[in-house]
PDB file of all heavy atoms in Angstrom:
ATOM      1  N   ALA A   1     104.558  96.753  95.816  1.00  0.00           N
ATOM      2  CA  ALA A   1     103.829  96.981  96.985  1.00  0.00           C
ATOM      3  C   ALA A   1     102.545  97.633  96.898  1.00  0.00           C
ATOM      4  O   ALA A   1     101.633  97.641  97.774  1.00  0.00           O
ATOM      5  CB  ALA A   1     104.769  97.696  98.090  1.00  0.00           C
ATOM      6  N   GLU A   2     102.423  98.383  95.695  1.00  0.00           N
ATOM      7  CA  GLU A   2     101.207  99.027  95.405  1.00  0.00           C
ATOM      8  C   GLU A   2      99.948  98.181  94.975  1.00  0.00           C
ATOM      9  O   GLU A   2      98.914  98.560  94.934  1.00  0.00           O
ATOM     10  CB  GLU A   2     101.404 100.106  94.333  1.00  0.00           C
ATOM     11  CG  GLU A   2     102.415 101.163  94.769  1.00  0.00           C
ATOM     12  CD  GLU A   2     102.034 101.971  96.013  1.00  0.00           C
ATOM     13  OE1 GLU A   2     100.853 102.373  96.132  1.00  0.00           O
ATOM     14  OE2 GLU A   2     102.912 102.281  96.845  1.00  0.00           O
ATOM     15  N   ALA A   3     100.342  96.925  94.511  1.00  0.00           N
ATOM     16  CA  ALA A   3      99.342  96.020  94.019  1.00  0.00           C
ATOM     17  C   ALA A   3      98.497  95.513  95.135  1.00  0.00           C
ATOM     18  O   ALA A   3      98.927  95.398  96.302  1.00  0.00           O
ATOM     19  CB  ALA A   3      99.967  94.865  93.269  1.00  0.00           C
ATOM     20  N   LYS A   4      97.239  95.323  94.864  1.00  0.00           N
ATOM     21  CA  LYS A   4      96.319  94.764  95.903  1.00  0.00           C
ATOM     22  C   LYS A   4      96.541  93.258  96.126  1.00  0.00           C
ATOM     23  O   LYS A   4      96.635  92.560  95.051  1.00  0.00           O
ATOM     24  CB  LYS A   4      94.899  94.968  95.368  1.00  0.00           C
ATOM     25  CG  LYS A   4      93.911  95.200  96.605  1.00  0.00           C
ATOM     26  CD  LYS A   4      92.547  95.641  96.032  1.00  0.00           C
ATOM     27  CE  LYS A   4      91.915  96.473  96.879  1.00  0.00           C
ATOM     28  NZ  LYS A   4      90.383  96.710  96.615  1.00  0.00           N
ATOM     29  N   VAL A   5      96.746  92.918  97.288  1.00  0.00           N
ATOM     30  CA  VAL A   5      96.997  91.522  97.634  1.00  0.00           C
ATOM     31  C   VAL A   5      95.728  90.731  97.563  1.00  0.00           C
ATOM     32  O   VAL A   5      94.729  91.123  98.065  1.00  0.00           O
ATOM     33  CB  VAL A   5      97.597  91.378  99.116  1.00  0.00           C
ATOM     34  CG1 VAL A   5      97.834  90.001  99.513  1.00  0.00           C
ATOM     35  CG2 VAL A   5      98.902  92.122  99.123  1.00  0.00           C
ATOM     36  N   SER A   6      95.860  89.527  97.013  1.00  0.00           N
ATOM     37  CA  SER A   6      94.728  88.597  96.940  1.00  0.00           C
ATOM     38  C   SER A   6      94.788  87.477  97.924  1.00  0.00           C
ATOM     39  O   SER A   6      95.930  86.915  98.116  1.00  0.00           O
ATOM     40  CB  SER A   6      94.687  87.941  95.566  1.00  0.00           C
ATOM     41  OG  SER A   6      94.393  88.943  94.534  1.00  0.00           O
ATOM     42  N   ILE A   7      93.656  87.257  98.586  1.00  0.00           N
ATOM     43  CA  ILE A   7      93.647  86.041  99.506  1.00  0.00           C
ATOM     44  C   ILE A   7      92.447  85.254  99.219  1.00  0.00           C
ATOM     45  O   ILE A   7      91.446  85.808  98.707  1.00  0.00           O
ATOM     46  CB  ILE A   7      93.596  86.590 101.035  1.00  0.00           C
ATOM     47  CG1 ILE A   7      92.418  87.377 101.369  1.00  0.00           C
ATOM     48  CG2 ILE A   7      94.839  87.404 101.415  1.00  0.00           C
ATOM     49  CD1 ILE A   7      92.236  87.658 102.870  1.00  0.00           C
ATOM     50  N   LEU A   8      92.582  84.002  99.464  1.00  0.00           N
ATOM     51  CA  LEU A   8      91.461  83.153  99.287  1.00  0.00           C
ATOM     52  C   LEU A   8      90.927  82.589 100.578  1.00  0.00           C
ATOM     53  O   LEU A   8      91.575  82.152 101.451  1.00  0.00           O
ATOM     54  CB  LEU A   8      91.991  81.859  98.474  1.00  0.00           C
ATOM     55  CG  LEU A   8      90.950  80.814  98.072  1.00  0.00           C
ATOM     56  CD1 LEU A   8      89.847  81.356  97.336  1.00  0.00           C
ATOM     57  CD2 LEU A   8      91.676  79.592  97.408  1.00  0.00           C
ATOM     58  N   LEU A   9      89.534  82.877 100.748  1.00  0.00           N
ATOM     59  CA  LEU A   9      88.823  82.401 101.927  1.00  0.00           C
ATOM     60  C   LEU A   9      88.027  81.129 101.600  1.00  0.00           C
ATOM     61  O   LEU A   9      87.257  81.150 100.625  1.00  0.00           O
ATOM     62  CB  LEU A   9      87.847  83.510 102.332  1.00  0.00           C
ATOM     63  CG  LEU A   9      88.397  84.926 102.502  1.00  0.00           C
ATOM     64  CD1 LEU A   9      87.421  85.885 102.868  1.00  0.00           C
ATOM     65  CD2 LEU A   9      89.507  84.926 103.508  1.00  0.00           C
ATOM     66  N   VAL A  10      88.371  80.134 102.344  1.00  0.00           N
ATOM     67  CA  VAL A  10      87.663  78.875 102.052  1.00  0.00           C
ATOM     68  C   VAL A  10      86.938  78.320 103.303  1.00  0.00           C
ATOM     69  O   VAL A  10      87.542  78.118 104.353  1.00  0.00           O
ATOM     70  CB  VAL A  10      88.757  77.714 101.634  1.00  0.00           C
ATOM     71  CG1 VAL A  10      88.075  76.437 101.229  1.00  0.00           C
ATOM     72  CG2 VAL A  10      89.619  78.300 100.548  1.00  0.00           C
ATOM     73  N   ASP A  11      85.690  78.106 103.159  1.00  0.00           N
ATOM     74  CA  ASP A  11      84.855  77.554 104.145  1.00  0.00           C
ATOM     75  C   ASP A  11      83.472  77.042 103.568  1.00  0.00           C
ATOM     76  O   ASP A  11      83.053  77.668 102.632  1.00  0.00           O
ATOM     77  CB  ASP A  11      84.593  78.597 105.275  1.00  0.00           C
ATOM     78  CG  ASP A  11      84.309  77.894 106.662  1.00  0.00           C
ATOM     79  OD1 ASP A  11      83.322  77.090 106.712  1.00  0.00           O
ATOM     80  OD2 ASP A  11      85.031  78.156 107.650  1.00  0.00           O
ATOM     81  N   ASP A  12      82.917  76.008 104.020  1.00  0.00           N
ATOM     82  CA  ASP A  12      81.677  75.496 103.592  1.00  0.00           C
ATOM     83  C   ASP A  12      80.544  76.165 104.236  1.00  0.00           C
ATOM     84  O   ASP A  12      79.395  75.914 103.859  1.00  0.00           O
ATOM     85  CB  ASP A  12      81.627  73.968 103.689  1.00  0.00           C
ATOM     86  CG  ASP A  12      81.748  73.419 105.046  1.00  0.00           C
ATOM     87  OD1 ASP A  12      82.118  74.163 105.990  1.00  0.00           O
ATOM     88  OD2 ASP A  12      81.445  72.236 105.255  1.00  0.00           O
ATOM     89  N   LYS A  13      80.717  76.978 105.304  1.00  0.00           N
ATOM     90  CA  LYS A  13      79.646  77.649 105.982  1.00  0.00           C
ATOM     91  C   LYS A  13      79.640  79.126 105.583  1.00  0.00           C
ATOM     92  O   LYS A  13      80.639  79.858 105.936  1.00  0.00           O
ATOM     93  CB  LYS A  13      79.880  77.407 107.507  1.00  0.00           C
ATOM     94  CG  LYS A  13      79.795  76.024 107.879  1.00  0.00           C
ATOM     95  CD  LYS A  13      79.889  75.879 109.385  1.00  0.00           C
ATOM     96  CE  LYS A  13      79.792  74.339 109.721  1.00  0.00           C
ATOM     97  NZ  LYS A  13      80.301  74.036 111.030  1.00  0.00           N
ATOM     98  N   PRO A  14      78.601  79.586 104.947  1.00  0.00           N
ATOM     99  CA  PRO A  14      78.601  81.013 104.535  1.00  0.00           C
ATOM    100  C   PRO A  14      78.756  82.004 105.657  1.00  0.00           C
ATOM    101  O   PRO A  14      79.359  83.044 105.522  1.00  0.00           O
ATOM    102  CB  PRO A  14      77.138  81.187 103.930  1.00  0.00           C
ATOM    103  CG  PRO A  14      76.774  79.753 103.591  1.00  0.00           C
ATOM    104  CD  PRO A  14      77.383  78.802 104.610  1.00  0.00           C
ATOM    105  N   GLY A  15      78.267  81.701 106.891  1.00  0.00           N
ATOM    106  CA  GLY A  15      78.541  82.564 108.008  1.00  0.00           C
ATOM    107  C   GLY A  15      79.938  82.738 108.407  1.00  0.00           C
ATOM    108  O   GLY A  15      80.340  83.851 108.833  1.00  0.00           O
ATOM    109  N   ASN A  16      80.756  81.726 108.265  1.00  0.00           N
ATOM    110  CA  ASN A  16      82.154  81.817 108.506  1.00  0.00           C
ATOM    111  C   ASN A  16      82.933  82.734 107.511  1.00  0.00           C
ATOM    112  O   ASN A  16      83.779  83.454 107.834  1.00  0.00           O
ATOM    113  CB  ASN A  16      82.856  80.441 108.566  1.00  0.00           C
ATOM    114  CG  ASN A  16      82.479  79.629 109.748  1.00  0.00           C
ATOM    115  OD1 ASN A  16      81.815  80.125 110.734  1.00  0.00           O
ATOM    116  ND2 ASN A  16      82.651  78.357 109.675  1.00  0.00           N
ATOM    117  N   LEU A  17      82.462  82.549 106.239  1.00  0.00           N
ATOM    118  CA  LEU A  17      83.042  83.450 105.167  1.00  0.00           C
ATOM    119  C   LEU A  17      82.695  84.927 105.396  1.00  0.00           C
ATOM    120  O   LEU A  17      83.532  85.790 105.290  1.00  0.00           O
ATOM    121  CB  LEU A  17      82.564  82.993 103.785  1.00  0.00           C
ATOM    122  CG  LEU A  17      83.051  81.700 103.245  1.00  0.00           C
ATOM    123  CD1 LEU A  17      82.397  81.254 101.966  1.00  0.00           C
ATOM    124  CD2 LEU A  17      84.590  81.782 103.061  1.00  0.00           C
ATOM    125  N   LEU A  18      81.386  85.116 105.776  1.00  0.00           N
ATOM    126  CA  LEU A  18      80.927  86.449 106.150  1.00  0.00           C
ATOM    127  C   LEU A  18      81.773  87.055 107.222  1.00  0.00           C
ATOM    128  O   LEU A  18      82.287  88.265 107.195  1.00  0.00           O
ATOM    129  CB  LEU A  18      79.535  86.451 106.457  1.00  0.00           C
ATOM    130  CG  LEU A  18      78.827  87.810 106.797  1.00  0.00           C
ATOM    131  CD1 LEU A  18      78.797  88.707 105.606  1.00  0.00           C
ATOM    132  CD2 LEU A  18      77.401  87.580 107.313  1.00  0.00           C
ATOM    133  N   ALA A  19      81.996  86.303 108.322  1.00  0.00           N
ATOM    134  CA  ALA A  19      82.793  86.759 109.504  1.00  0.00           C
ATOM    135  C   ALA A  19      84.290  87.149 109.001  1.00  0.00           C
ATOM    136  O   ALA A  19      84.827  88.143 109.479  1.00  0.00           O
ATOM    137  CB  ALA A  19      82.824  85.747 110.582  1.00  0.00           C
ATOM    138  N   LEU A  20      84.833  86.228 108.290  1.00  0.00           N
ATOM    139  CA  LEU A  20      86.242  86.450 107.853  1.00  0.00           C
ATOM    140  C   LEU A  20      86.306  87.717 106.960  1.00  0.00           C
ATOM    141  O   LEU A  20      87.190  88.649 107.160  1.00  0.00           O
ATOM    142  CB  LEU A  20      86.734  85.285 106.918  1.00  0.00           C
ATOM    143  CG  LEU A  20      87.289  84.047 107.691  1.00  0.00           C
ATOM    144  CD1 LEU A  20      87.435  82.964 106.730  1.00  0.00           C
ATOM    145  CD2 LEU A  20      88.490  84.388 108.513  1.00  0.00           C
ATOM    146  N   ARG A  21      85.362  87.951 106.036  1.00  0.00           N
ATOM    147  CA  ARG A  21      85.302  89.076 105.181  1.00  0.00           C
ATOM    148  C   ARG A  21      85.137  90.398 106.056  1.00  0.00           C
ATOM    149  O   ARG A  21      85.790  91.391 105.846  1.00  0.00           O
ATOM    150  CB  ARG A  21      84.129  89.037 104.146  1.00  0.00           C
ATOM    151  CG  ARG A  21      84.197  90.073 103.125  1.00  0.00           C
ATOM    152  CD  ARG A  21      83.162  89.871 102.037  1.00  0.00           C
ATOM    153  NE  ARG A  21      83.573  88.942 101.015  1.00  0.00           N
ATOM    154  CZ  ARG A  21      84.315  89.192 100.106  1.00  0.00           C
ATOM    155  NH1 ARG A  21      84.731  90.430  99.998  1.00  0.00           N
ATOM    156  NH2 ARG A  21      84.731  88.242  99.301  1.00  0.00           N
ATOM    157  N   ALA A  22      84.329  90.303 107.022  1.00  0.00           N
ATOM    158  CA  ALA A  22      84.050  91.482 107.944  1.00  0.00           C
ATOM    159  C   ALA A  22      85.296  91.856 108.734  1.00  0.00           C
ATOM    160  O   ALA A  22      85.627  93.065 108.855  1.00  0.00           O
ATOM    161  CB  ALA A  22      82.889  91.126 108.881  1.00  0.00           C
ATOM    162  N   ILE A  23      85.966  90.868 109.208  1.00  0.00           N
ATOM    163  CA  ILE A  23      87.307  91.145 109.977  1.00  0.00           C
ATOM    164  C   ILE A  23      88.388  91.662 109.122  1.00  0.00           C
ATOM    165  O   ILE A  23      89.046  92.608 109.581  1.00  0.00           O
ATOM    166  CB  ILE A  23      87.782  89.836 110.545  1.00  0.00           C
ATOM    167  CG1 ILE A  23      86.776  89.381 111.703  1.00  0.00           C
ATOM    168  CG2 ILE A  23      89.173  89.938 111.146  1.00  0.00           C
ATOM    169  CD1 ILE A  23      87.037  87.979 112.205  1.00  0.00           C
ATOM    170  N   LEU A  24      88.497  91.199 107.851  1.00  0.00           N
ATOM    171  CA  LEU A  24      89.563  91.501 106.993  1.00  0.00           C
ATOM    172  C   LEU A  24      89.354  92.759 106.037  1.00  0.00           C
ATOM    173  O   LEU A  24      90.217  93.240 105.437  1.00  0.00           O
ATOM    174  CB  LEU A  24      90.027  90.377 106.129  1.00  0.00           C
ATOM    175  CG  LEU A  24      90.460  89.160 106.838  1.00  0.00           C
ATOM    176  CD1 LEU A  24      90.564  87.955 105.930  1.00  0.00           C
ATOM    177  CD2 LEU A  24      91.837  89.445 107.604  1.00  0.00           C
ATOM    178  N   GLU A  25      88.045  93.223 105.940  1.00  0.00           N
ATOM    179  CA  GLU A  25      87.721  94.318 105.065  1.00  0.00           C
ATOM    180  C   GLU A  25      88.555  95.620 105.300  1.00  0.00           C
ATOM    181  O   GLU A  25      88.807  96.377 104.322  1.00  0.00           O
ATOM    182  CB  GLU A  25      86.231  94.620 105.073  1.00  0.00           C
ATOM    183  CG  GLU A  25      85.736  95.274 106.302  1.00  0.00           C
ATOM    184  CD  GLU A  25      84.202  95.440 106.276  1.00  0.00           C
ATOM    185  OE1 GLU A  25      83.541  95.107 105.269  1.00  0.00           O
ATOM    186  OE2 GLU A  25      83.616  95.842 107.372  1.00  0.00           O
ATOM    187  N   VAL A  26      88.969  95.835 106.478  1.00  0.00           N
ATOM    188  CA  VAL A  26      89.772  97.145 106.790  1.00  0.00           C
ATOM    189  C   VAL A  26      91.120  97.102 106.061  1.00  0.00           C
ATOM    190  O   VAL A  26      91.729  98.140 105.970  1.00  0.00           O
ATOM    191  CB  VAL A  26      89.910  97.391 108.277  1.00  0.00           C
ATOM    192  CG1 VAL A  26      88.502  97.589 108.906  1.00  0.00           C
ATOM    193  CG2 VAL A  26      90.616  96.221 108.917  1.00  0.00           C
ATOM    194  N   LEU A  27      91.581  95.896 105.649  1.00  0.00           N
ATOM    195  CA  LEU A  27      92.856  95.776 105.015  1.00  0.00           C
ATOM    196  C   LEU A  27      92.963  96.135 103.549  1.00  0.00           C
ATOM    197  O   LEU A  27      94.034  96.060 102.968  1.00  0.00           O
ATOM    198  CB  LEU A  27      93.463  94.404 105.392  1.00  0.00           C
ATOM    199  CG  LEU A  27      93.602  94.006 106.849  1.00  0.00           C
ATOM    200  CD1 LEU A  27      94.084  92.529 106.916  1.00  0.00           C
ATOM    201  CD2 LEU A  27      94.558  94.933 107.448  1.00  0.00           C
ATOM    202  N   ASP A  28      91.821  96.288 102.971  1.00  0.00           N
ATOM    203  CA  ASP A  28      91.726  96.589 101.539  1.00  0.00           C
ATOM    204  C   ASP A  28      92.437  95.601 100.737  1.00  0.00           C
ATOM    205  O   ASP A  28      93.356  95.818  99.914  1.00  0.00           O
ATOM    206  CB  ASP A  28      92.375  97.981 101.251  1.00  0.00           C
ATOM    207  CG  ASP A  28      91.990  98.463  99.857  1.00  0.00           C
ATOM    208  OD1 ASP A  28      90.959  98.170  99.310  1.00  0.00           O
ATOM    209  OD2 ASP A  28      92.796  99.237  99.301  1.00  0.00           O
ATOM    210  N   LEU A  29      92.001  94.283 100.895  1.00  0.00           N
ATOM    211  CA  LEU A  29      92.497  93.091 100.189  1.00  0.00           C
ATOM    212  C   LEU A  29      91.505  92.786  99.040  1.00  0.00           C
ATOM    213  O   LEU A  29      90.312  93.066  99.120  1.00  0.00           O
ATOM    214  CB  LEU A  29      92.717  91.984 101.110  1.00  0.00           C
ATOM    215  CG  LEU A  29      93.576  92.153 102.343  1.00  0.00           C
ATOM    216  CD1 LEU A  29      93.444  91.141 103.357  1.00  0.00           C
ATOM    217  CD2 LEU A  29      95.008  92.297 101.904  1.00  0.00           C
ATOM    218  N   ASN A  30      91.999  92.020  98.037  1.00  0.00           N
ATOM    219  CA  ASN A  30      91.181  91.389  97.078  1.00  0.00           C
ATOM    220  C   ASN A  30      90.800  90.041  97.694  1.00  0.00           C
ATOM    221  O   ASN A  30      91.597  89.137  97.676  1.00  0.00           O
ATOM    222  CB  ASN A  30      91.876  91.225  95.752  1.00  0.00           C
ATOM    223  CG  ASN A  30      91.002  90.530  94.689  1.00  0.00           C
ATOM    224  OD1 ASN A  30      89.879  90.784  94.766  1.00  0.00           O
ATOM    225  ND2 ASN A  30      91.648  89.733  93.922  1.00  0.00           N
ATOM    226  N   MET A  31      89.577  89.903  98.177  1.00  0.00           N
ATOM    227  CA  MET A  31      89.130  88.622  98.769  1.00  0.00           C
ATOM    228  C   MET A  31      88.295  87.800  97.877  1.00  0.00           C
ATOM    229  O   MET A  31      87.351  88.343  97.335  1.00  0.00           O
ATOM    230  CB  MET A  31      88.420  88.950 100.037  1.00  0.00           C
ATOM    231  CG  MET A  31      89.214  89.537 101.158  1.00  0.00           C
ATOM    232  SD  MET A  31      88.329  89.822 102.781  1.00  0.00           S
ATOM    233  CE  MET A  31      87.821  91.528 102.437  1.00  0.00           C
ATOM    234  N   VAL A  32      88.766  86.597  97.697  1.00  0.00           N
ATOM    235  CA  VAL A  32      88.023  85.556  96.889  1.00  0.00           C
ATOM    236  C   VAL A  32      87.545  84.495  97.819  1.00  0.00           C
ATOM    237  O   VAL A  32      88.203  83.971  98.548  1.00  0.00           O
ATOM    238  CB  VAL A  32      88.921  85.139  95.757  1.00  0.00           C
ATOM    239  CG1 VAL A  32      88.157  84.002  94.886  1.00  0.00           C
ATOM    240  CG2 VAL A  32      89.564  86.105  94.882  1.00  0.00           C
ATOM    241  N   GLU A  33      86.271  84.130  97.580  1.00  0.00           N
ATOM    242  CA  GLU A  33      85.691  83.059  98.354  1.00  0.00           C
ATOM    243  C   GLU A  33      85.484  81.745  97.705  1.00  0.00           C
ATOM    244  O   GLU A  33      85.238  81.710  96.421  1.00  0.00           O
ATOM    245  CB  GLU A  33      84.216  83.528  98.956  1.00  0.00           C
ATOM    246  CG  GLU A  33      84.262  84.689  99.823  1.00  0.00           C
ATOM    247  CD  GLU A  33      82.904  85.170 100.343  1.00  0.00           C
ATOM    248  OE1 GLU A  33      81.980  84.478  99.926  1.00  0.00           O
ATOM    249  OE2 GLU A  33      82.867  86.133 100.980  1.00  0.00           O
TER     250      GLU A  33
END
């Protein structure tokens, strides 16, 4: 449970990826786009 969870964000619009990242950043996840 101590390991950082990785999630993959997939979208062809950079604005959508930016919005997802902004919403999820409080969760301290490893986000890959």
